[in-house]
Protein backbone atom coordinates (compact mmCIF):
# COMPACT_ATOMS: atom_id res chain seq x y z
CA MET A 1 105.36 118.68 99.17
CA TYR A 2 104.10 115.22 99.58
CA THR A 3 100.84 113.79 101.01
CA SER A 4 101.49 110.54 103.31
CA ARG A 5 98.83 107.59 102.88
CA ARG A 6 100.36 105.79 105.27
CA ASP A 7 97.66 105.66 107.97
CA ARG A 8 94.90 105.73 105.08
CA ARG A 9 95.71 102.20 103.44
CA PRO A 10 95.22 98.93 105.12
CA ASN A 11 96.80 97.36 107.53
CA ARG A 12 99.24 94.54 106.57
CA ARG A 13 99.38 92.99 109.49
CA SER A 14 95.61 93.20 110.63
CA LYS A 15 94.41 91.29 107.01
CA GLN A 16 101.37 91.53 105.28
CA SER A 17 106.17 94.56 100.22
CA LYS A 18 101.90 97.43 104.59
CA ARG A 19 101.68 100.92 102.45
CA PRO A 20 102.29 99.70 98.76
CA LEU A 21 103.91 96.81 98.58
CA VAL A 22 105.58 94.53 95.88
CA ILE A 23 104.86 91.81 97.49
CA ALA A 24 108.27 89.47 97.26
CA VAL A 25 106.61 87.93 100.09
CA VAL A 26 106.54 84.13 99.25
CA ALA A 27 107.09 80.28 100.59
CA VAL A 28 110.53 79.92 101.87
CA LEU A 29 113.10 77.64 103.94
CA LEU A 30 115.13 79.50 105.87
CA VAL A 31 118.39 78.47 108.15
CA LEU A 32 119.22 80.42 111.24
CA GLY A 33 122.85 79.87 111.39
CA ALA A 34 123.75 75.97 111.69
CA LEU A 35 120.56 75.24 113.36
CA GLY A 36 118.49 77.10 110.83
CA ALA A 37 115.01 79.47 111.07
CA TRP A 38 112.34 78.92 108.47
CA THR A 39 110.24 81.62 107.51
CA LEU A 40 108.13 82.79 104.92
CA LYS A 41 109.61 85.50 102.91
CA ASN A 42 112.68 85.67 101.03
CA ASP A 43 113.15 84.10 97.50
CA GLY A 44 109.04 82.23 96.72
CA TYR A 45 110.65 79.25 96.46
CA LEU A 46 110.65 75.85 98.66
CA PHE A 47 113.69 73.13 97.98
CA GLY A 48 113.33 74.79 94.61
CA LEU A 49 110.01 73.61 93.63
CA ARG A 50 107.03 75.52 92.79
CA THR A 51 104.35 72.67 92.57
CA PRO A 52 100.92 73.78 92.45
CA LEU A 53 98.67 72.68 95.07
CA ALA A 54 94.99 71.06 94.50
CA ALA A 55 93.16 73.73 95.45
CA GLU A 56 89.36 75.38 94.76
CA ASP A 57 89.82 77.28 91.09
CA TYR A 58 87.77 78.52 88.88
CA GLU A 59 88.22 78.15 85.32
CA GLY A 60 88.67 80.74 82.44
CA THR A 61 89.48 84.70 82.79
CA GLY A 62 85.97 85.59 84.71
CA GLY A 63 82.39 87.12 84.06
CA GLU A 64 81.12 90.14 85.00
CA PRO A 65 83.40 93.17 86.05
CA VAL A 66 84.00 94.40 89.47
CA THR A 67 86.06 96.71 91.04
CA VAL A 68 88.38 95.67 93.67
CA GLU A 69 90.75 97.25 96.12
CA VAL A 70 93.62 95.23 96.41
CA PRO A 71 95.30 95.45 99.54
CA SER A 72 98.89 95.48 100.41
CA GLY A 73 100.43 92.30 101.94
CA ASN A 74 101.50 88.54 100.67
CA GLY A 75 100.01 86.75 98.07
CA TYR A 76 97.71 84.91 100.88
CA THR A 77 96.89 88.34 101.74
CA ILE A 78 95.98 89.35 98.49
CA GLY A 79 94.00 86.05 97.38
CA ALA A 80 91.93 86.03 100.86
CA GLU A 81 90.45 89.44 99.94
CA LEU A 82 90.40 88.33 96.31
CA ALA A 83 88.48 85.48 97.19
CA GLU A 84 86.25 87.43 99.88
CA GLN A 85 84.59 89.17 96.86
CA ASP A 86 84.24 85.93 94.84
CA VAL A 87 87.14 86.99 91.92
CA VAL A 88 88.94 83.68 92.72
CA ALA A 89 87.58 80.46 94.29
CA SER A 90 90.22 80.63 97.31
CA ALA A 91 93.20 82.15 98.71
CA GLU A 92 94.78 78.84 98.53
CA ALA A 93 94.73 78.68 94.72
CA PHE A 94 95.50 82.26 94.69
CA VAL A 95 99.15 81.66 96.76
CA HIS A 96 99.98 78.70 94.64
CA ALA A 97 99.48 81.11 91.38
CA PHE A 98 101.28 84.15 92.81
CA ASN A 99 104.26 81.75 93.63
CA ALA A 100 103.77 80.48 90.62
CA ASN A 101 104.15 83.90 88.32
CA PRO A 102 107.50 85.34 88.64
CA ASP A 103 106.04 88.91 87.91
CA ALA A 104 103.46 88.48 91.14
CA ALA A 105 106.31 90.29 93.09
CA ALA A 106 105.53 93.36 91.15
CA ILE A 107 102.01 93.49 92.25
CA GLN A 108 100.93 96.79 93.91
CA PRO A 109 97.95 97.58 95.89
CA GLY A 110 95.57 99.64 94.85
CA THR A 111 92.21 99.89 93.37
CA ARG A 112 91.77 97.50 90.52
CA GLU A 113 89.04 96.13 88.09
CA MET A 114 89.07 92.56 88.00
CA LYS A 115 86.25 90.09 87.31
CA LEU A 116 84.33 87.72 88.89
CA ARG A 117 85.16 84.23 89.50
CA MET A 118 88.31 84.40 87.63
CA SER A 119 90.94 81.44 87.67
CA ALA A 120 94.04 82.18 90.04
CA ALA A 121 96.76 82.48 87.19
CA SER A 122 94.39 84.53 85.13
CA ALA A 123 93.59 86.94 87.99
CA VAL A 124 97.34 87.01 89.14
CA GLU A 125 98.43 87.81 85.70
CA LEU A 126 95.85 90.61 85.42
CA LEU A 127 97.48 92.12 88.93
CA ALA A 128 100.49 91.44 87.92
CA GLN A 129 100.00 94.35 85.20
CA ASN A 130 99.77 96.79 87.79
CA ASN A 131 96.74 99.02 86.16
CA VAL A 132 96.54 100.76 89.41
CA ASP A 133 94.88 104.19 89.66
CA ARG A 134 96.97 106.44 91.31
CA SER A 135 98.45 109.94 90.93
CA GLY A 136 101.67 109.51 92.07
CA LEU A 137 104.67 107.59 92.77
CA THR A 138 104.18 104.46 94.71
CA ILE A 139 107.24 102.81 96.51
CA VAL A 140 106.97 99.47 98.18
CA GLU A 141 107.53 98.59 101.72
CA GLY A 142 110.78 96.33 101.78
CA HIS A 143 112.09 98.09 98.68
CA THR A 144 115.85 98.96 98.51
CA VAL A 145 117.41 102.18 96.83
CA ALA A 146 118.32 99.71 93.85
CA GLN A 147 114.51 98.67 93.32
CA VAL A 148 113.26 102.57 94.28
CA GLN A 149 115.62 103.71 91.89
CA GLN A 150 114.17 101.28 88.95
CA THR A 151 110.49 102.41 90.09
CA MET A 152 111.41 106.06 89.61
CA ILE A 153 113.18 105.55 86.51
CA ASP A 154 110.13 103.39 85.23
CA GLN A 155 107.43 106.23 86.10
CA GLY A 156 109.51 108.74 83.99
CA TRP A 157 112.32 110.40 85.74
CA PRO A 158 115.63 110.46 84.03
CA GLN A 159 117.65 107.81 84.75
CA ALA A 160 120.76 110.06 85.01
CA ASP A 161 118.67 112.41 87.56
CA VAL A 162 118.09 109.23 89.49
CA GLU A 163 121.07 108.43 89.63
CA ALA A 164 123.00 111.80 90.36
CA ALA A 165 120.50 112.81 93.24
CA LEU A 166 121.30 108.98 94.97
CA ALA A 167 124.82 109.52 94.67
CA ASP A 168 124.65 112.57 96.69
CA PRO A 169 123.06 111.42 100.08
CA LYS A 170 123.54 114.05 101.97
CA ALA A 171 121.90 116.63 99.90
CA LEU A 172 119.26 114.25 100.05
CA GLY A 173 118.61 115.05 103.92
CA LEU A 174 119.98 111.60 105.09
CA PRO A 175 121.43 111.93 108.88
CA ALA A 176 124.82 112.03 109.97
CA GLU A 177 124.08 108.51 111.71
CA ALA A 178 123.30 106.60 108.56
CA GLY A 179 126.85 106.80 107.93
CA GLY A 180 126.24 108.05 104.28
CA GLU A 181 124.08 104.52 103.43
CA LEU A 182 120.39 105.23 102.14
CA GLU A 183 119.56 101.76 102.52
CA GLY A 184 116.63 101.66 104.32
CA TRP A 185 116.03 105.16 104.65
CA LEU A 186 113.87 105.78 101.49
CA ALA A 187 110.44 105.47 103.24
CA ALA A 188 107.39 103.33 101.15
CA ASN A 189 105.12 105.49 100.61
CA THR A 190 102.96 106.85 98.13
CA TYR A 191 103.77 110.70 97.39
CA GLU A 192 101.80 112.97 95.29
CA VAL A 193 104.54 113.76 93.18
CA ARG A 194 105.43 113.51 88.83
CA PRO A 195 108.43 113.48 86.91
CA ASP A 196 107.16 116.41 85.08
CA SER A 197 106.68 118.88 88.01
CA THR A 198 109.34 117.19 90.68
CA SER A 199 112.39 116.20 90.53
CA ALA A 200 114.01 113.31 91.46
CA ALA A 201 115.71 114.70 94.03
CA ASP A 202 112.73 116.64 95.78
CA VAL A 203 111.15 113.50 95.50
CA LEU A 204 114.16 111.23 97.46
CA LYS A 205 114.28 114.07 99.61
CA GLN A 206 110.78 113.23 101.10
CA MET A 207 111.60 109.58 101.18
CA VAL A 208 114.23 110.66 103.83
CA ALA A 209 112.13 113.13 105.60
CA LEU A 210 109.49 110.70 105.89
CA THR A 211 111.40 108.04 107.70
CA VAL A 212 113.00 110.78 109.74
CA GLN A 213 109.55 112.02 110.79
CA GLU A 214 108.70 108.27 111.70
CA LEU A 215 111.68 108.13 113.60
CA ASP A 216 111.29 111.37 115.39
CA GLY A 217 107.81 110.01 116.26
CA LEU A 218 108.85 107.14 117.63
CA ASP A 219 111.17 108.77 119.85
CA VAL A 220 113.87 107.04 118.78
CA PRO A 221 117.34 108.54 119.63
CA ALA A 222 119.90 109.46 116.91
CA ASP A 223 122.72 106.80 117.92
CA GLN A 224 120.09 104.16 117.62
CA ARG A 225 118.36 104.60 114.68
CA ASN A 226 120.33 103.28 112.13
CA ASP A 227 120.51 100.04 114.02
CA LEU A 228 117.11 100.01 114.42
CA ILE A 229 116.14 100.60 110.60
CA ILE A 230 118.71 97.69 110.01
CA LYS A 231 116.94 95.52 112.49
CA ALA A 232 113.57 96.70 111.07
CA SER A 233 114.74 95.59 107.69
CA LEU A 234 114.97 92.16 108.69
CA VAL A 235 111.95 91.47 110.28
CA GLU A 236 110.12 92.89 107.53
CA ARG A 237 112.08 90.53 105.00
CA GLU A 238 111.41 87.88 107.33
CA ALA A 239 108.61 87.95 109.54
CA PRO A 240 104.95 86.52 108.31
CA ASP A 241 102.18 88.15 108.96
CA ASP A 242 100.88 88.54 112.49
CA TYR A 243 104.81 87.66 113.71
CA ARG A 244 106.87 90.51 113.57
CA GLY A 245 107.32 91.41 117.13
CA GLU A 246 108.03 87.42 118.01
CA VAL A 247 110.82 87.52 114.49
CA ALA A 248 112.45 91.12 116.25
CA ARG A 249 112.71 88.79 119.58
CA VAL A 250 114.19 86.16 117.36
CA ILE A 251 117.06 88.21 116.14
CA GLU A 252 117.50 90.20 119.67
CA ASN A 253 118.05 86.85 121.21
CA ARG A 254 120.72 85.95 119.01
CA LEU A 255 122.50 89.33 119.16
CA ALA A 256 122.98 88.89 122.69
CA ALA A 257 124.03 85.78 122.63
CA GLY A 258 127.09 86.63 119.96
CA GLU A 259 125.38 84.12 117.33
CA ALA A 260 125.07 84.37 113.58
CA LEU A 261 121.48 85.28 112.62
CA GLY A 262 121.68 83.25 109.87
CA LEU A 263 119.25 84.90 107.51
CA ASP A 264 119.30 83.92 104.15
CA ALA A 265 117.57 87.11 103.07
CA ILE A 266 120.85 89.17 104.66
CA ASP A 267 122.88 86.93 101.99
CA SER A 268 120.52 86.93 98.89
CA TYR A 269 120.73 91.26 99.60
CA GLY A 270 124.35 90.83 99.74
CA ARG A 271 125.28 88.34 96.81
CA LYS A 272 122.54 90.33 94.93
CA LYS A 273 120.66 87.09 94.03
CA PRO A 274 118.35 84.63 95.38
CA SER A 275 119.61 82.21 98.57
CA HIS A 276 118.96 79.29 96.11
CA GLU A 277 121.63 80.48 93.81
CA ILE A 278 124.35 81.14 96.67
CA THR A 279 126.98 78.47 96.96
CA THR A 280 127.44 77.00 100.05
CA GLU A 281 131.61 78.77 99.95
CA GLU A 282 129.62 81.96 99.52
CA PHE A 283 127.01 80.91 102.46
CA GLN A 284 131.21 80.12 104.37
CA ASP A 285 133.05 82.77 103.51
CA GLU A 286 134.23 85.09 106.87
CA SER A 287 135.24 87.77 104.76
CA PHE A 288 131.98 88.35 103.26
CA PRO A 289 130.10 91.17 105.50
CA TYR A 290 126.74 89.79 104.31
CA ALA A 291 127.63 85.79 105.14
CA SER A 292 124.53 85.74 107.74
CA ARG A 293 125.50 82.02 108.79
CA VAL A 294 128.94 82.78 109.69
CA VAL A 295 129.47 86.54 110.48
CA PRO A 296 127.66 86.91 114.51
CA GLY A 297 126.05 90.16 114.53
CA LEU A 298 123.97 92.91 112.19
CA PRO A 299 124.92 93.43 108.35
CA PRO A 300 126.79 96.44 107.55
CA THR A 301 123.37 97.86 106.22
CA ALA A 302 119.20 97.94 105.94
CA ILE A 303 118.09 95.15 103.47
CA GLY A 304 115.32 97.45 102.33
CA ALA A 305 113.11 99.90 103.65
CA PRO A 306 111.01 99.13 106.92
CA SER A 307 107.71 99.61 107.91
CA LYS A 308 106.68 101.70 110.56
CA ALA A 309 104.82 98.29 111.55
CA SER A 310 108.20 96.98 112.02
CA LEU A 311 110.40 99.71 113.27
CA GLU A 312 107.68 99.51 116.33
CA ALA A 313 108.22 95.62 116.41
CA VAL A 314 111.77 96.01 117.24
CA LEU A 315 111.26 98.43 119.65
CA ASN A 316 108.30 97.03 121.08
CA ALA A 317 109.47 93.02 120.40
CA PRO A 318 107.47 91.06 123.25
CA GLU A 319 109.70 89.14 126.02
CA GLY A 320 111.04 85.29 125.13
CA PRO A 321 113.27 82.97 124.91
CA TRP A 322 113.24 81.90 121.45
CA ARG A 323 116.37 80.91 118.89
CA TRP A 324 114.09 79.45 115.77
CA TYR A 325 111.01 79.54 114.34
CA VAL A 326 109.50 77.28 111.74
CA THR A 327 106.44 78.69 109.30
CA VAL A 328 104.69 75.13 109.19
CA ASN A 329 101.75 76.29 106.85
CA LEU A 330 102.40 78.43 104.02
CA ASP A 331 99.07 79.68 103.16
CA THR A 332 97.86 80.41 106.38
CA GLN A 333 101.46 81.67 107.63
CA GLU A 334 100.79 80.10 111.01
CA THR A 335 104.82 80.68 112.66
CA LYS A 336 106.17 78.56 116.00
CA PHE A 337 108.83 79.78 118.51
CA THR A 338 111.02 77.71 120.11
CA ASP A 339 113.89 78.32 122.64
CA ASN A 340 114.77 74.25 122.11
CA TYR A 341 116.02 72.69 119.03
CA ASP A 342 114.71 69.36 119.78
CA GLU A 343 111.14 71.13 119.63
CA PHE A 344 112.50 73.00 116.27
CA LEU A 345 113.05 69.58 114.82
CA VAL A 346 109.12 68.44 115.83
CA PHE A 347 108.16 72.12 114.03
CA LYS A 348 110.20 71.08 110.95
CA ASP A 349 108.51 67.70 110.54
CA GLU A 350 105.09 69.35 111.25
CA TYR A 351 105.94 71.81 108.15
CA GLN A 352 107.44 69.08 105.96
CA SER A 353 104.15 67.17 106.41
CA TRP A 354 102.15 69.77 105.50
CA ALA A 355 104.43 70.53 102.53
CA ALA A 356 103.87 66.66 101.68
CA GLU A 357 100.02 66.88 101.89
CA ASN A 358 100.01 69.96 100.38
CA GLY A 359 102.09 69.23 96.63
CA TYR A 360 105.55 70.90 97.75
């Protein structure tokens, strides 16, 4: 048995991994097809640069201790909360420290002991230690099967047991419509389980069962579930705060037009490396099913576990003709959408002006 904490966690979209989240959402330039789409959540770099912004910041490791509830979300979401509590001086300084720290992607939400008036860098470093007060296993939204596996191993489940359980998806309750692919079906959540009392297989069964439960609750027909999970996993990786529905609509519009989706997150998942390490030849390899710039349609599998919010965004995507989008401000995540390529170029220029003014 497990206790779902989904509805009790802070709403990622009202404050952006969204249930306990490894914060993989960082500044990124993505190109949709030959024309491109620029988004926020991918490899944590922009043109390979990580130049800090001269934002208001404290110095040192802080003073008076304070207990903070770190929200699920991206660097800006976390930074805004810490700035509100006077743990850091500004969300902007936290974002740049977050982007500069390779361990920041492992930060998990939860109750933390922090200090008032910490430098952004020291706050990120402390959070990355993940000294979270939790009694169960936390699986983060957007995580892949490989990441779920490693999380379980790190928390004490024997590697051989986890690998054996994952090797038999049917025994985990994976429904037939998943086609034997666990990717996207291991629901992120905090599960009240421990390696000394619950087997790896039983834990994974709970993850699959929670996904099925959510799909049942959304009244999704069985023959539509796998495509929904794949689409929602793309939204999970690509959509900045408050723009899940619009990104879902861009994906639907490109699919309807028979165009390649051109989402670097797809290529990165398939190649098992960040997009800036993918070569032009690899991006253009039409024989590779995850080459999203040249292969039309959805990827063969999901690219991570989608949140319920992403599932709902796909199911209820707003009407709109959009085919391109640009995140014009990486700190606030403001994102603009268009169906006009010339306007897309204007948005691109707007982003580049912002980047130049802010040290990127």
